[in-house]
PDB file of all heavy atoms in Angstrom:
ATOM      1  N   TRP A   1      56.212  72.135  49.696  1.00  0.00           N
ATOM      2  CA  TRP A   1      56.668  73.385  49.100  1.00  0.00           C
ATOM      3  C   TRP A   1      57.352  74.330  50.077  1.00  0.00           C
ATOM      4  O   TRP A   1      57.803  75.403  49.690  1.00  0.00           O
ATOM      5  CB  TRP A   1      55.536  74.122  48.376  1.00  0.00           C
ATOM      6  CG  TRP A   1      54.841  73.283  47.363  1.00  0.00           C
ATOM      7  CD1 TRP A   1      53.546  72.840  47.395  1.00  0.00           C
ATOM      8  CD2 TRP A   1      55.405  72.741  46.160  1.00  0.00           C
ATOM      9  NE1 TRP A   1      53.273  72.066  46.301  1.00  0.00           N
ATOM     10  CE2 TRP A   1      54.391  71.993  45.519  1.00  0.00           C
ATOM     11  CE3 TRP A   1      56.668  72.829  45.549  1.00  0.00           C
ATOM     12  CZ2 TRP A   1      54.612  71.333  44.310  1.00  0.00           C
ATOM     13  CZ3 TRP A   1      56.880  72.175  44.352  1.00  0.00           C
ATOM     14  CH2 TRP A   1      55.853  71.432  43.748  1.00  0.00           C
ATOM     15  N   THR A   2      57.443  73.951  51.354  1.00  0.00           N
ATOM     16  CA  THR A   2      58.164  74.803  52.293  1.00  0.00           C
ATOM     17  C   THR A   2      59.656  74.471  52.246  1.00  0.00           C
ATOM     18  O   THR A   2      60.060  73.362  51.882  1.00  0.00           O
ATOM     19  CB  THR A   2      57.670  74.614  53.730  1.00  0.00           C
ATOM     20  OG1 THR A   2      57.941  73.262  54.145  1.00  0.00           O
ATOM     21  CG2 THR A   2      56.172  74.896  53.831  1.00  0.00           C
ATOM     22  N   GLU A   3      60.448  75.439  52.639  1.00  0.00           N
ATOM     23  CA  GLU A   3      61.887  75.184  52.722  1.00  0.00           C
ATOM     24  C   GLU A   3      62.180  74.107  53.760  1.00  0.00           C
ATOM     25  O   GLU A   3      63.139  73.338  53.611  1.00  0.00           O
ATOM     26  CB  GLU A   3      62.627  76.474  53.054  1.00  0.00           C
ATOM     27  CG  GLU A   3      62.632  77.501  51.931  1.00  0.00           C
ATOM     28  CD  GLU A   3      63.623  78.628  52.173  1.00  0.00           C
ATOM     29  OE1 GLU A   3      64.729  78.334  52.693  1.00  0.00           O
ATOM     30  OE2 GLU A   3      63.306  79.790  51.849  1.00  0.00           O
ATOM     31  N   GLU A   4      61.352  74.054  54.789  1.00  0.00           N
ATOM     32  CA  GLU A   4      61.560  73.056  55.838  1.00  0.00           C
ATOM     33  C   GLU A   4      61.313  71.645  55.325  1.00  0.00           C
ATOM     34  O   GLU A   4      62.014  70.693  55.713  1.00  0.00           O
ATOM     35  CB  GLU A   4      60.661  73.357  57.030  1.00  0.00           C
ATOM     36  CG  GLU A   4      61.079  74.576  57.852  1.00  0.00           C
ATOM     37  CD  GLU A   4      60.792  75.914  57.169  1.00  0.00           C
ATOM     38  OE1 GLU A   4      59.973  75.923  56.208  1.00  0.00           O
ATOM     39  OE2 GLU A   4      61.356  76.943  57.599  1.00  0.00           O
ATOM     40  N   PHE A   5      60.322  71.477  54.448  1.00  0.00           N
ATOM     41  CA  PHE A   5      60.056  70.164  53.842  1.00  0.00           C
ATOM     42  C   PHE A   5      61.268  69.723  53.017  1.00  0.00           C
ATOM     43  O   PHE A   5      61.752  68.590  53.157  1.00  0.00           O
ATOM     44  CB  PHE A   5      58.809  70.247  52.954  1.00  0.00           C
ATOM     45  CG  PHE A   5      58.333  68.921  52.430  1.00  0.00           C
ATOM     46  CD1 PHE A   5      57.218  68.299  52.976  1.00  0.00           C
ATOM     47  CD2 PHE A   5      58.976  68.280  51.371  1.00  0.00           C
ATOM     48  CE1 PHE A   5      56.772  67.071  52.490  1.00  0.00           C
ATOM     49  CE2 PHE A   5      58.547  67.061  50.879  1.00  0.00           C
ATOM     50  CZ  PHE A   5      57.431  66.463  51.444  1.00  0.00           C
ATOM     51  N   GLN A   6      61.754  70.596  52.165  1.00  0.00           N
ATOM     52  CA  GLN A   6      62.912  70.265  51.337  1.00  0.00           C
ATOM     53  C   GLN A   6      64.135  69.964  52.200  1.00  0.00           C
ATOM     54  O   GLN A   6      64.864  68.986  51.966  1.00  0.00           O
ATOM     55  CB  GLN A   6      63.218  71.432  50.387  1.00  0.00           C
ATOM     56  CG  GLN A   6      64.350  71.155  49.402  1.00  0.00           C
ATOM     57  CD  GLN A   6      64.746  72.391  48.618  1.00  0.00           C
ATOM     58  OE1 GLN A   6      64.881  73.476  49.185  1.00  0.00           O
ATOM     59  NE2 GLN A   6      64.941  72.249  47.310  1.00  0.00           N
ATOM     60  N   GLU A   7      64.335  70.752  53.219  1.00  0.00           N
ATOM     61  CA  GLU A   7      65.455  70.541  54.132  1.00  0.00           C
ATOM     62  C   GLU A   7      65.369  69.168  54.791  1.00  0.00           C
ATOM     63  O   GLU A   7      66.374  68.434  54.881  1.00  0.00           O
ATOM     64  CB  GLU A   7      65.445  71.644  55.193  1.00  0.00           C
ATOM     65  CG  GLU A   7      66.522  71.509  56.259  1.00  0.00           C
ATOM     66  CD  GLU A   7      66.334  72.535  57.366  1.00  0.00           C
ATOM     67  OE1 GLU A   7      65.160  72.809  57.750  1.00  0.00           O
ATOM     68  OE2 GLU A   7      67.342  73.066  57.846  1.00  0.00           O
ATOM     69  N   ASN A   8      64.177  68.774  55.220  1.00  0.00           N
ATOM     70  CA  ASN A   8      63.983  67.486  55.890  1.00  0.00           C
ATOM     71  C   ASN A   8      64.257  66.322  54.939  1.00  0.00           C
ATOM     72  O   ASN A   8      64.849  65.306  55.325  1.00  0.00           O
ATOM     73  CB  ASN A   8      62.554  67.407  56.434  1.00  0.00           C
ATOM     74  CG  ASN A   8      62.361  66.250  57.389  1.00  0.00           C
ATOM     75  OD1 ASN A   8      63.176  66.022  58.293  1.00  0.00           O
ATOM     76  ND2 ASN A   8      61.280  65.500  57.196  1.00  0.00           N
ATOM     77  N   VAL A   9      63.824  66.461  53.685  1.00  0.00           N
ATOM     78  CA  VAL A   9      64.103  65.419  52.691  1.00  0.00           C
ATOM     79  C   VAL A   9      65.605  65.263  52.512  1.00  0.00           C
ATOM     80  O   VAL A   9      66.126  64.135  52.450  1.00  0.00           O
ATOM     81  CB  VAL A   9      63.411  65.751  51.357  1.00  0.00           C
ATOM     82  CG1 VAL A   9      63.922  64.849  50.237  1.00  0.00           C
ATOM     83  CG2 VAL A   9      61.897  65.610  51.486  1.00  0.00           C
ATOM     84  N   TYR A  10      66.321  66.359  52.433  1.00  0.00           N
ATOM     85  CA  TYR A  10      67.772  66.284  52.274  1.00  0.00           C
ATOM     86  C   TYR A  10      68.435  65.639  53.483  1.00  0.00           C
ATOM     87  O   TYR A  10      69.344  64.811  53.336  1.00  0.00           O
ATOM     88  CB  TYR A  10      68.358  67.673  52.016  1.00  0.00           C
ATOM     89  CG  TYR A  10      68.530  67.973  50.539  1.00  0.00           C
ATOM     90  CD1 TYR A  10      67.455  68.410  49.773  1.00  0.00           C
ATOM     91  CD2 TYR A  10      69.758  67.802  49.912  1.00  0.00           C
ATOM     92  CE1 TYR A  10      67.606  68.683  48.423  1.00  0.00           C
ATOM     93  CE2 TYR A  10      69.922  68.070  48.558  1.00  0.00           C
ATOM     94  CZ  TYR A  10      68.841  68.502  47.811  1.00  0.00           C
ATOM     95  OH  TYR A  10      68.983  68.753  46.469  1.00  0.00           O
ATOM     96  N   ILE A  11      68.005  66.005  54.651  1.00  0.00           N
ATOM     97  CA  ILE A  11      68.616  65.447  55.867  1.00  0.00           C
ATOM     98  C   ILE A  11      68.541  63.926  55.855  1.00  0.00           C
ATOM     99  O   ILE A  11      69.537  63.231  56.098  1.00  0.00           O
ATOM    100  CB  ILE A  11      67.927  66.022  57.121  1.00  0.00           C
ATOM    101  CG1 ILE A  11      68.311  67.492  57.305  1.00  0.00           C
ATOM    102  CG2 ILE A  11      68.292  65.212  58.362  1.00  0.00           C
ATOM    103  CD1 ILE A  11      67.497  68.207  58.381  1.00  0.00           C
ATOM    104  N   HIS A  12      67.364  63.381  55.534  1.00  0.00           N
ATOM    105  CA  HIS A  12      67.183  61.929  55.599  1.00  0.00           C
ATOM    106  C   HIS A  12      67.751  61.222  54.375  1.00  0.00           C
ATOM    107  O   HIS A  12      68.205  60.069  54.480  1.00  0.00           O
ATOM    108  CB  HIS A  12      65.706  61.604  55.800  1.00  0.00           C
ATOM    109  CG  HIS A  12      65.211  61.974  57.164  1.00  0.00           C
ATOM    110  ND1 HIS A  12      64.623  63.187  57.439  1.00  0.00           N
ATOM    111  CD2 HIS A  12      65.257  61.304  58.339  1.00  0.00           C
ATOM    112  CE1 HIS A  12      64.302  63.248  58.725  1.00  0.00           C
ATOM    113  NE2 HIS A  12      64.681  62.120  59.293  1.00  0.00           N
ATOM    114  N   ASN A  13      67.758  61.879  53.228  1.00  0.00           N
ATOM    115  CA  ASN A  13      68.379  61.264  52.054  1.00  0.00           C
ATOM    116  C   ASN A  13      69.889  61.171  52.205  1.00  0.00           C
ATOM    117  O   ASN A  13      70.518  60.215  51.734  1.00  0.00           O
ATOM    118  CB  ASN A  13      68.020  62.038  50.781  1.00  0.00           C
ATOM    119  CG  ASN A  13      66.759  61.539  50.115  1.00  0.00           C
ATOM    120  OD1 ASN A  13      66.798  60.774  49.144  1.00  0.00           O
ATOM    121  ND2 ASN A  13      65.619  61.961  50.624  1.00  0.00           N
ATOM    122  N   LEU A  14      70.489  62.151  52.833  1.00  0.00           N
ATOM    123  CA  LEU A  14      71.929  62.104  53.045  1.00  0.00           C
ATOM    124  C   LEU A  14      72.315  61.046  54.073  1.00  0.00           C
ATOM    125  O   LEU A  14      73.446  60.550  54.075  1.00  0.00           O
ATOM    126  CB  LEU A  14      72.455  63.487  53.431  1.00  0.00           C
ATOM    127  CG  LEU A  14      72.335  64.538  52.326  1.00  0.00           C
ATOM    128  CD1 LEU A  14      72.799  65.900  52.819  1.00  0.00           C
ATOM    129  CD2 LEU A  14      73.100  64.123  51.076  1.00  0.00           C
ATOM    130  N   GLU A  15      71.379  60.699  54.918  1.00  0.00           N
ATOM    131  CA  GLU A  15      71.584  59.524  55.784  1.00  0.00           C
ATOM    132  C   GLU A  15      71.474  58.247  54.956  1.00  0.00           C
ATOM    133  O   GLU A  15      72.241  57.302  55.141  1.00  0.00           O
ATOM    134  CB  GLU A  15      70.570  59.511  56.924  1.00  0.00           C
ATOM    135  CG  GLU A  15      70.832  60.551  57.996  1.00  0.00           C
ATOM    136  CD  GLU A  15      72.172  60.328  58.685  1.00  0.00           C
ATOM    137  OE1 GLU A  15      72.490  59.179  59.058  1.00  0.00           O
ATOM    138  OE2 GLU A  15      72.918  61.322  58.836  1.00  0.00           O
ATOM    139  N   MET A  16      70.517  58.228  54.014  1.00  0.00           N
ATOM    140  CA  MET A  16      70.315  57.052  53.172  1.00  0.00           C
ATOM    141  C   MET A  16      71.565  56.721  52.355  1.00  0.00           C
ATOM    142  O   MET A  16      71.953  55.551  52.244  1.00  0.00           O
ATOM    143  CB  MET A  16      69.137  57.286  52.224  1.00  0.00           C
ATOM    144  CG  MET A  16      68.905  56.168  51.211  1.00  0.00           C
ATOM    145  SD  MET A  16      67.726  56.632  49.907  1.00  0.00           S
ATOM    146  CE  MET A  16      68.730  57.793  48.956  1.00  0.00           C
ATOM    147  N   VAL A  17      72.202  57.726  51.775  1.00  0.00           N
ATOM    148  CA  VAL A  17      73.315  57.436  50.880  1.00  0.00           C
ATOM    149  C   VAL A  17      74.503  56.828  51.617  1.00  0.00           C
ATOM    150  O   VAL A  17      75.346  56.168  50.995  1.00  0.00           O
ATOM    151  CB  VAL A  17      73.749  58.692  50.104  1.00  0.00           C
ATOM    152  CG1 VAL A  17      72.601  59.241  49.269  1.00  0.00           C
ATOM    153  CG2 VAL A  17      74.323  59.766  51.023  1.00  0.00           C
ATOM    154  N   LYS A  18      74.529  57.012  52.924  1.00  0.00           N
ATOM    155  CA  LYS A  18      75.597  56.382  53.708  1.00  0.00           C
ATOM    156  C   LYS A  18      75.453  54.863  53.724  1.00  0.00           C
ATOM    157  O   LYS A  18      76.421  54.149  54.039  1.00  0.00           O
ATOM    158  CB  LYS A  18      75.596  56.927  55.138  1.00  0.00           C
ATOM    159  CG  LYS A  18      75.916  58.416  55.230  1.00  0.00           C
ATOM    160  CD  LYS A  18      75.803  58.912  56.663  1.00  0.00           C
ATOM    161  CE  LYS A  18      76.074  60.412  56.761  1.00  0.00           C
ATOM    162  NZ  LYS A  18      75.926  60.924  58.158  1.00  0.00           N
ATOM    163  N   ASN A  19      74.264  54.386  53.364  1.00  0.00           N
ATOM    164  CA  ASN A  19      74.023  52.944  53.333  1.00  0.00           C
ATOM    165  C   ASN A  19      74.449  52.289  52.023  1.00  0.00           C
ATOM    166  O   ASN A  19      74.312  51.068  51.874  1.00  0.00           O
ATOM    167  CB  ASN A  19      72.534  52.648  53.545  1.00  0.00           C
ATOM    168  CG  ASN A  19      72.007  53.194  54.860  1.00  0.00           C
ATOM    169  OD1 ASN A  19      72.756  53.295  55.837  1.00  0.00           O
ATOM    170  ND2 ASN A  19      70.728  53.546  54.899  1.00  0.00           N
ATOM    171  N   ILE A  20      74.927  53.054  51.075  1.00  0.00           N
ATOM    172  CA  ILE A  20      75.308  52.518  49.766  1.00  0.00           C
ATOM    173  C   ILE A  20      76.820  52.335  49.758  1.00  0.00           C
ATOM    174  O   ILE A  20      77.579  53.307  49.623  1.00  0.00           O
ATOM    175  CB  ILE A  20      74.861  53.466  48.632  1.00  0.00           C
ATOM    176  CG1 ILE A  20      73.371  53.774  48.736  1.00  0.00           C
ATOM    177  CG2 ILE A  20      75.179  52.847  47.268  1.00  0.00           C
ATOM    178  CD1 ILE A  20      72.873  54.814  47.738  1.00  0.00           C
ATOM    179  N   SER A  21      77.268  51.112  49.900  1.00  0.00           N
ATOM    180  CA  SER A  21      78.706  50.860  50.077  1.00  0.00           C
ATOM    181  C   SER A  21      79.517  51.258  48.848  1.00  0.00           C
ATOM    182  O   SER A  21      80.674  51.651  48.972  1.00  0.00           O
ATOM    183  CB  SER A  21      78.941  49.381  50.401  1.00  0.00           C
ATOM    184  OG  SER A  21      78.488  48.552  49.335  1.00  0.00           O
ATOM    185  N   ALA A  22      78.926  51.142  47.664  1.00  0.00           N
ATOM    186  CA  ALA A  22      79.651  51.456  46.429  1.00  0.00           C
ATOM    187  C   ALA A  22      79.472  52.910  46.003  1.00  0.00           C
ATOM    188  O   ALA A  22      79.922  53.291  44.917  1.00  0.00           O
ATOM    189  CB  ALA A  22      79.199  50.528  45.303  1.00  0.00           C
ATOM    190  N   LEU A  23      78.849  53.729  46.846  1.00  0.00           N
ATOM    191  CA  LEU A  23      78.613  55.124  46.467  1.00  0.00           C
ATOM    192  C   LEU A  23      79.935  55.873  46.380  1.00  0.00           C
ATOM    193  O   LEU A  23      80.713  55.906  47.328  1.00  0.00           O
ATOM    194  CB  LEU A  23      77.706  55.807  47.493  1.00  0.00           C
ATOM    195  CG  LEU A  23      77.260  57.215  47.075  1.00  0.00           C
ATOM    196  CD1 LEU A  23      76.129  57.116  46.055  1.00  0.00           C
ATOM    197  CD2 LEU A  23      76.818  58.035  48.275  1.00  0.00           C
ATOM    198  N   ARG A  24      80.146  56.507  45.213  1.00  0.00           N
ATOM    199  CA  ARG A  24      81.365  57.280  45.010  1.00  0.00           C
ATOM    200  C   ARG A  24      81.069  58.710  44.563  1.00  0.00           C
ATOM    201  O   ARG A  24      81.969  59.422  44.109  1.00  0.00           O
ATOM    202  CB  ARG A  24      82.263  56.598  43.977  1.00  0.00           C
ATOM    203  CG  ARG A  24      82.781  55.225  44.416  1.00  0.00           C
ATOM    204  CD  ARG A  24      83.640  55.319  45.678  1.00  0.00           C
ATOM    205  NE  ARG A  24      84.136  54.018  46.097  1.00  0.00           N
ATOM    206  CZ  ARG A  24      83.526  53.218  46.975  1.00  0.00           C
ATOM    207  NH1 ARG A  24      82.361  53.608  47.524  1.00  0.00           N
ATOM    208  NH2 ARG A  24      84.038  52.062  47.310  1.00  0.00           N
ATOM    209  N   GLY A  25      79.799  59.128  44.695  1.00  0.00           N
ATOM    210  CA  GLY A  25      79.494  60.495  44.342  1.00  0.00           C
ATOM    211  C   GLY A  25      78.018  60.808  44.406  1.00  0.00           C
ATOM    212  O   GLY A  25      77.161  59.904  44.447  1.00  0.00           O
ATOM    213  N   LEU A  26      77.720  62.110  44.444  1.00  0.00           N
ATOM    214  CA  LEU A  26      76.345  62.617  44.468  1.00  0.00           C
ATOM    215  C   LEU A  26      76.242  63.805  43.511  1.00  0.00           C
ATOM    216  O   LEU A  26      77.161  64.617  43.429  1.00  0.00           O
ATOM    217  CB  LEU A  26      75.960  63.122  45.865  1.00  0.00           C
ATOM    218  CG  LEU A  26      75.886  62.172  47.038  1.00  0.00           C
ATOM    219  CD1 LEU A  26      75.734  62.991  48.329  1.00  0.00           C
ATOM    220  CD2 LEU A  26      74.705  61.248  46.888  1.00  0.00           C
ATOM    221  N   THR A  27      75.105  63.919  42.831  1.00  0.00           N
ATOM    222  CA  THR A  27      74.772  65.159  42.117  1.00  0.00           C
ATOM    223  C   THR A  27      73.286  65.439  42.351  1.00  0.00           C
ATOM    224  O   THR A  27      72.455  65.230  41.460  1.00  0.00           O
ATOM    225  CB  THR A  27      75.059  65.063  40.598  1.00  0.00           C
ATOM    226  OG1 THR A  27      74.412  63.906  40.054  1.00  0.00           O
ATOM    227  CG2 THR A  27      76.540  64.988  40.327  1.00  0.00           C
ATOM    228  N   PRO A  28      72.913  65.889  43.540  1.00  0.00           N
ATOM    229  CA  PRO A  28      71.493  66.134  43.843  1.00  0.00           C
ATOM    230  C   PRO A  28      70.849  67.079  42.825  1.00  0.00           C
ATOM    231  O   PRO A  28      71.521  67.878  42.169  1.00  0.00           O
ATOM    232  CB  PRO A  28      71.530  66.747  45.235  1.00  0.00           C
ATOM    233  CG  PRO A  28      72.782  66.202  45.845  1.00  0.00           C
ATOM    234  CD  PRO A  28      73.765  66.137  44.717  1.00  0.00           C
ATOM    235  N   TRP A  29      69.521  66.987  42.752  1.00  0.00           N
ATOM    236  CA  TRP A  29      68.744  67.772  41.797  1.00  0.00           C
ATOM    237  C   TRP A  29      68.084  68.930  42.517  1.00  0.00           C
ATOM    238  O   TRP A  29      67.188  68.712  43.286  1.00  0.00           O
ATOM    239  CB  TRP A  29      67.674  66.873  41.150  1.00  0.00           C
ATOM    240  CG  TRP A  29      67.083  67.481  39.918  1.00  0.00           C
ATOM    241  CD1 TRP A  29      65.862  68.086  39.803  1.00  0.00           C
ATOM    242  CD2 TRP A  29      67.684  67.546  38.631  1.00  0.00           C
ATOM    243  NE1 TRP A  29      65.672  68.521  38.520  1.00  0.00           N
ATOM    244  CE2 TRP A  29      66.774  68.214  37.778  1.00  0.00           C
ATOM    245  CE3 TRP A  29      68.912  67.127  38.113  1.00  0.00           C
ATOM    246  CZ2 TRP A  29      67.056  68.450  36.437  1.00  0.00           C
ATOM    247  CZ3 TRP A  29      69.177  67.357  36.784  1.00  0.00           C
ATOM    248  CH2 TRP A  29      68.246  68.018  35.957  1.00  0.00           C
ATOM    249  N   ILE A  30      68.483  70.148  42.329  1.00  0.00           N
ATOM    250  CA  ILE A  30      69.388  70.693  41.343  1.00  0.00           C
ATOM    251  C   ILE A  30      69.923  71.998  41.926  1.00  0.00           C
ATOM    252  O   ILE A  30      69.406  72.496  42.925  1.00  0.00           O
ATOM    253  CB  ILE A  30      68.660  70.905  40.000  1.00  0.00           C
ATOM    254  CG1 ILE A  30      69.609  71.360  38.872  1.00  0.00           C
ATOM    255  CG2 ILE A  30      67.485  71.874  40.161  1.00  0.00           C
ATOM    256  CD1 ILE A  30      68.965  71.313  37.468  1.00  0.00           C
ATOM    257  N   LEU A  31      70.939  72.605  41.323  1.00  0.00           N
ATOM    258  CA  LEU A  31      71.542  73.821  41.877  1.00  0.00           C
ATOM    259  C   LEU A  31      70.528  74.957  41.971  1.00  0.00           C
ATOM    260  O   LEU A  31      70.396  75.596  43.018  1.00  0.00           O
ATOM    261  CB  LEU A  31      72.738  74.252  41.021  1.00  0.00           C
ATOM    262  CG  LEU A  31      73.454  75.530  41.475  1.00  0.00           C
ATOM    263  CD1 LEU A  31      74.109  75.334  42.833  1.00  0.00           C
ATOM    264  CD2 LEU A  31      74.493  75.969  40.435  1.00  0.00           C
ATOM    265  N   LYS A  32      69.818  75.224  40.882  1.00  0.00           N
ATOM    266  CA  LYS A  32      68.969  76.413  40.789  1.00  0.00           C
ATOM    267  C   LYS A  32      67.607  76.059  40.201  1.00  0.00           C
ATOM    268  O   LYS A  32      67.514  75.204  39.331  1.00  0.00           O
ATOM    269  CB  LYS A  32      69.675  77.464  39.901  1.00  0.00           C
ATOM    270  CG  LYS A  32      68.847  78.690  39.558  1.00  0.00           C
ATOM    271  CD  LYS A  32      69.502  79.495  38.458  1.00  0.00           C
ATOM    272  CE  LYS A  32      68.549  80.536  37.890  1.00  0.00           C
ATOM    273  NZ  LYS A  32      67.457  79.936  37.102  1.00  0.00           N
ATOM    274  N   ASP A  33      66.555  76.730  40.688  1.00  0.00           N
ATOM    275  CA  ASP A  33      65.237  76.590  40.063  1.00  0.00           C
ATOM    276  C   ASP A  33      65.340  76.888  38.567  1.00  0.00           C
ATOM    277  O   ASP A  33      66.073  77.793  38.153  1.00  0.00           O
ATOM    278  CB  ASP A  33      64.233  77.557  40.693  1.00  0.00           C
ATOM    279  CG  ASP A  33      63.851  77.172  42.115  1.00  0.00           C
ATOM    280  OD1 ASP A  33      64.227  76.073  42.560  1.00  0.00           O
ATOM    281  OD2 ASP A  33      63.176  77.981  42.768  1.00  0.00           O
ATOM    282  N   PHE A  34      64.574  76.142  37.769  1.00  0.00           N
ATOM    283  CA  PHE A  34      64.642  76.322  36.322  1.00  0.00           C
ATOM    284  C   PHE A  34      63.248  76.226  35.721  1.00  0.00           C
ATOM    285  O   PHE A  34      62.338  75.620  36.288  1.00  0.00           O
ATOM    286  CB  PHE A  34      65.583  75.291  35.680  1.00  0.00           C
ATOM    287  CG  PHE A  34      65.146  73.857  35.877  1.00  0.00           C
ATOM    288  CD1 PHE A  34      64.399  73.190  34.909  1.00  0.00           C
ATOM    289  CD2 PHE A  34      65.497  73.162  37.032  1.00  0.00           C
ATOM    290  CE1 PHE A  34      64.005  71.873  35.084  1.00  0.00           C
ATOM    291  CE2 PHE A  34      65.101  71.839  37.225  1.00  0.00           C
ATOM    292  CZ  PHE A  34      64.357  71.194  36.245  1.00  0.00           C
ATOM    293  N   ARG A  35      63.081  76.810  34.543  1.00  0.00           N
ATOM    294  CA  ARG A  35      61.789  76.857  33.875  1.00  0.00           C
ATOM    295  C   ARG A  35      61.370  75.468  33.378  1.00  0.00           C
ATOM    296  O   ARG A  35      62.184  74.723  32.843  1.00  0.00           O
ATOM    297  CB  ARG A  35      61.847  77.808  32.682  1.00  0.00           C
ATOM    298  CG  ARG A  35      61.751  79.274  33.042  1.00  0.00           C
ATOM    299  CD  ARG A  35      60.346  79.631  33.449  1.00  0.00           C
ATOM    300  NE  ARG A  35      60.174  81.073  33.652  1.00  0.00           N
ATOM    301  CZ  ARG A  35      59.088  81.585  34.202  1.00  0.00           C
ATOM    302  NH1 ARG A  35      58.103  80.803  34.612  1.00  0.00           N
ATOM    303  NH2 ARG A  35      58.981  82.888  34.360  1.00  0.00           N
ATOM    304  N   SER A  36      60.079  75.156  33.539  1.00  0.00           N
ATOM    305  CA  SER A  36      59.540  73.904  33.011  1.00  0.00           C
ATOM    306  C   SER A  36      58.047  74.045  32.764  1.00  0.00           C
ATOM    307  O   SER A  36      57.300  74.447  33.670  1.00  0.00           O
ATOM    308  CB  SER A  36      59.772  72.741  33.983  1.00  0.00           C
ATOM    309  OG  SER A  36      59.100  71.584  33.518  1.00  0.00           O
ATOM    310  N   PRO A  37      57.567  73.716  31.558  1.00  0.00           N
ATOM    311  CA  PRO A  37      56.128  73.799  31.272  1.00  0.00           C
ATOM    312  C   PRO A  37      55.324  72.725  31.988  1.00  0.00           C
ATOM    313  O   PRO A  37      54.092  72.800  32.006  1.00  0.00           O
ATOM    314  CB  PRO A  37      56.061  73.623  29.755  1.00  0.00           C
ATOM    315  CG  PRO A  37      57.297  72.881  29.400  1.00  0.00           C
ATOM    316  CD  PRO A  37      58.344  73.324  30.378  1.00  0.00           C
ATOM    317  N   ARG A  38      56.000  71.752  32.590  1.00  0.00           N
ATOM    318  CA  ARG A  38      55.302  70.700  33.342  1.00  0.00           C
ATOM    319  C   ARG A  38      54.895  71.160  34.739  1.00  0.00           C
ATOM    320  O   ARG A  38      54.282  70.398  35.478  1.00  0.00           O
ATOM    321  CB  ARG A  38      56.210  69.471  33.484  1.00  0.00           C
ATOM    322  CG  ARG A  38      56.551  68.765  32.194  1.00  0.00           C
ATOM    323  CD  ARG A  38      57.590  67.675  32.429  1.00  0.00           C
ATOM    324  NE  ARG A  38      57.125  66.688  33.389  1.00  0.00           N
ATOM    325  CZ  ARG A  38      56.396  65.617  33.070  1.00  0.00           C
ATOM    326  NH1 ARG A  38      56.033  65.414  31.818  1.00  0.00           N
ATOM    327  NH2 ARG A  38      56.028  64.755  33.995  1.00  0.00           N
ATOM    328  N   ARG A  39      55.246  72.376  35.125  1.00  0.00           N
ATOM    329  CA  ARG A  39      55.101  72.820  36.509  1.00  0.00           C
ATOM    330  C   ARG A  39      54.215  74.068  36.580  1.00  0.00           C
ATOM    331  O   ARG A  39      54.689  75.179  36.787  1.00  0.00           O
ATOM    332  CB  ARG A  39      56.475  73.111  37.105  1.00  0.00           C
ATOM    333  CG  ARG A  39      57.503  72.020  36.857  1.00  0.00           C
ATOM    334  CD  ARG A  39      57.188  70.723  37.564  1.00  0.00           C
ATOM    335  NE  ARG A  39      58.107  69.650  37.180  1.00  0.00           N
ATOM    336  CZ  ARG A  39      58.141  68.448  37.739  1.00  0.00           C
ATOM    337  NH1 ARG A  39      57.285  68.167  38.723  1.00  0.00           N
ATOM    338  NH2 ARG A  39      58.984  67.533  37.332  1.00  0.00           N
ATOM    339  N   PRO A  40      52.885  73.911  36.417  1.00  0.00           N
ATOM    340  CA  PRO A  40      52.020  75.085  36.307  1.00  0.00           C
ATOM    341  C   PRO A  40      51.405  75.592  37.617  1.00  0.00           C
ATOM    342  O   PRO A  40      50.675  76.578  37.591  1.00  0.00           O
ATOM    343  CB  PRO A  40      50.909  74.573  35.383  1.00  0.00           C
ATOM    344  CG  PRO A  40      50.779  73.123  35.753  1.00  0.00           C
ATOM    345  CD  PRO A  40      52.174  72.663  36.075  1.00  0.00           C
TER     346      PRO A  40
END
């Protein structure tokens, strides 16, 4: 739940996508926090 945790996940995932030869795009999840009843 820290910003540093999220930042670290992004850093390593963006390294991962470089390994996908057919990758032609990204739409990471998500632009803005949003309401969800699953998240109490």
